Amino acid sequence: MRITIPEDRKLVHEMIMPIRWGDMDAYGHVNNTVYFRYMEQARCEWITSLGYDVAPGRESMLMINGFCNFFQQLSYPGELILKTSIGAIGRTSLDLYTSMALTTDPEVEAAIGGATMVWVDLTTNKSAPWPEHVLQQLR
């Protein structure tokens, strides 16, 4: 089953990431679980680029759901362009998408995945409305 990716999303971050030898499995291609690590790294770099810490404090942006649509096998050596985009922004959550393409063929998506992110008050462990300072960054 493929998850439909909305066309209406805003590019917010882009980065280059190498494919490492250890990312491959016994079949000689990047293991499916590693695509989620690539998306995680892109999310972390985006969050820190906004000036927020990914280490827990009193509040934080946390992932509550994730998926990946795979289109092309990847293997070492190679470099990926990871593009992070924001979709719908709700009262306490937002949809985040990360597309992956080889730097040698940047127009062809190897995969695209997404995550639902929520703002959480870590003192109560409950989702909370986006603070205005975060909404200003997201918009």
Protein backbone atom coordinates (compact mmCIF):
# COMPACT_ATOMS: atom_id res chain seq x y z
CA MET A 1 0.00 0.00 0.00
CA ARG A 2 1.34 3.40 -0.95
CA ILE A 3 0.51 6.50 1.06
CA THR A 4 -0.63 9.44 -1.07
CA ILE A 5 1.66 12.44 -0.78
CA PRO A 6 -0.12 15.80 -1.07
CA GLU A 7 1.07 18.17 -3.78
CA ASP A 8 0.41 21.15 -1.50
CA ARG A 9 3.45 21.15 0.76
CA LYS A 10 6.19 23.66 1.51
CA LEU A 11 9.92 22.85 1.20
CA VAL A 12 11.61 23.84 4.46
CA HIS A 13 14.99 22.06 4.49
CA GLU A 14 17.43 20.33 2.18
CA MET A 15 20.58 18.37 2.96
CA ILE A 16 23.07 15.93 1.41
CA MET A 17 23.73 12.61 3.13
CA PRO A 18 26.14 9.85 2.12
CA ILE A 19 25.02 6.26 1.75
CA ARG A 20 27.31 4.28 4.03
CA TRP A 21 28.61 0.76 3.40
CA GLY A 22 26.95 -0.38 6.63
CA ASP A 23 23.55 0.83 5.40
CA MET A 24 23.34 -2.15 3.04
CA ASP A 25 21.98 -5.56 3.90
CA ALA A 26 22.82 -9.08 2.68
CA TYR A 27 20.98 -8.39 -0.59
CA GLY A 28 23.44 -5.61 -1.47
CA HIS A 29 21.02 -2.69 -1.21
CA VAL A 30 20.16 -0.18 1.51
CA ASN A 31 18.00 -1.92 4.09
CA ASN A 32 14.43 -0.58 4.27
CA THR A 33 14.84 0.38 7.92
CA VAL A 34 17.72 2.71 7.04
CA TYR A 35 15.43 4.94 4.96
CA PHE A 36 13.71 5.79 8.26
CA ARG A 37 17.11 6.72 9.76
CA TYR A 38 17.75 9.02 6.79
CA MET A 39 14.38 10.71 7.39
CA GLU A 40 15.15 10.94 11.11
CA GLN A 41 18.44 12.71 10.41
CA ALA A 42 16.72 15.13 8.03
CA ARG A 43 14.03 15.88 10.67
CA CYS A 44 16.66 16.46 13.37
CA GLU A 45 18.68 18.81 11.15
CA TRP A 46 15.51 20.72 10.21
CA ILE A 47 14.42 21.06 13.86
CA THR A 48 17.87 22.30 14.92
CA SER A 49 17.94 24.71 11.96
CA LEU A 50 14.85 26.33 13.52
CA GLY A 51 16.83 26.93 16.70
CA TYR A 52 15.24 24.14 18.74
CA ASP A 53 17.04 21.35 20.56
CA VAL A 54 16.19 17.74 19.74
CA ALA A 55 17.29 16.65 23.22
CA PRO A 56 14.39 16.53 25.68
CA GLY A 57 13.66 19.63 27.70
CA ARG A 58 10.29 20.76 29.03
CA GLU A 59 8.67 20.69 25.59
CA SER A 60 9.58 19.25 22.24
CA MET A 61 8.43 18.24 18.77
CA LEU A 62 7.97 14.45 18.65
CA MET A 63 7.05 11.97 15.92
CA ILE A 64 3.90 9.90 16.51
CA ASN A 65 3.53 8.20 13.14
CA GLY A 66 5.77 7.41 10.19
CA PHE A 67 5.73 5.74 6.77
CA CYS A 68 7.87 5.35 3.65
CA ASN A 69 7.02 4.74 0.00
CA PHE A 70 9.93 2.97 -1.72
CA PHE A 71 10.46 3.52 -5.46
CA GLN A 72 14.07 2.58 -6.19
CA GLN A 73 16.74 0.44 -4.55
CA LEU A 74 19.77 2.30 -3.25
CA SER A 75 23.29 1.00 -2.72
CA TYR A 76 26.74 2.12 -1.67
CA PRO A 77 28.47 4.27 -2.82
CA GLY A 78 26.19 7.24 -3.32
CA GLU A 79 24.91 10.48 -1.91
CA LEU A 80 21.32 11.43 -1.26
CA ILE A 81 19.52 14.73 -1.44
CA LEU A 82 16.98 14.76 1.39
CA LYS A 83 14.24 17.37 1.03
CA THR A 84 11.95 18.03 3.96
CA SER A 85 8.54 19.62 3.40
CA ILE A 86 5.64 20.62 5.62
CA GLY A 87 2.07 19.64 4.78
CA ALA A 88 -0.99 20.39 6.85
CA ILE A 89 -0.49 22.19 10.18
CA GLY A 90 -3.08 21.40 12.80
CA ARG A 91 -3.65 22.75 16.30
CA THR A 92 -1.19 20.29 17.88
CA SER A 93 0.26 18.36 14.93
CA LEU A 94 1.79 18.75 11.50
CA ASP A 95 2.51 16.50 8.55
CA LEU A 96 6.18 16.36 7.55
CA TYR A 97 7.51 14.72 4.38
CA THR A 98 11.03 13.78 3.31
CA SER A 99 11.91 12.88 -0.26
CA MET A 100 15.13 11.09 -1.16
CA ALA A 101 16.96 11.18 -4.49
CA LEU A 102 20.50 10.39 -5.56
CA THR A 103 22.66 13.45 -6.20
CA THR A 104 23.53 11.91 -9.57
CA ASP A 105 19.82 11.84 -10.55
CA PRO A 106 18.11 14.47 -8.37
CA GLU A 107 14.82 14.54 -10.29
CA VAL A 108 14.05 10.84 -9.64
CA GLU A 109 12.72 10.09 -6.17
CA ALA A 110 14.14 6.90 -4.69
CA ALA A 111 11.68 7.15 -1.80
CA ILE A 112 9.43 9.57 0.00
CA GLY A 113 8.21 9.21 3.51
CA GLY A 114 6.40 11.15 6.11
CA ALA A 115 5.78 11.64 9.76
CA THR A 116 3.12 13.18 11.91
CA MET A 117 4.78 15.47 14.42
CA VAL A 118 3.22 16.84 17.60
CA TRP A 119 4.25 19.47 20.10
CA VAL A 120 4.46 17.81 23.52
CA ASP A 121 4.62 19.17 27.03
CA LEU A 122 7.16 16.73 28.47
CA THR A 123 6.19 17.52 32.06
CA THR A 124 2.71 16.05 31.42
CA ASN A 125 3.59 13.84 28.41
CA LYS A 126 0.59 15.24 26.54
CA SER A 127 0.35 16.98 23.20
CA ALA A 128 -0.14 20.72 23.41
CA PRO A 129 -1.12 23.45 20.97
CA TRP A 130 1.76 24.85 18.94
CA PRO A 131 3.34 27.79 20.75
CA GLU A 132 3.14 31.00 18.74
CA HIS A 133 6.96 31.14 18.39
CA VAL A 134 6.90 27.70 16.73
CA LEU A 135 3.96 28.57 14.46
CA GLN A 136 5.87 31.65 13.27
CA GLN A 137 8.77 29.38 12.27
CA LEU A 138 6.46 26.85 10.56
CA ARG A 139 4.54 29.41 8.55
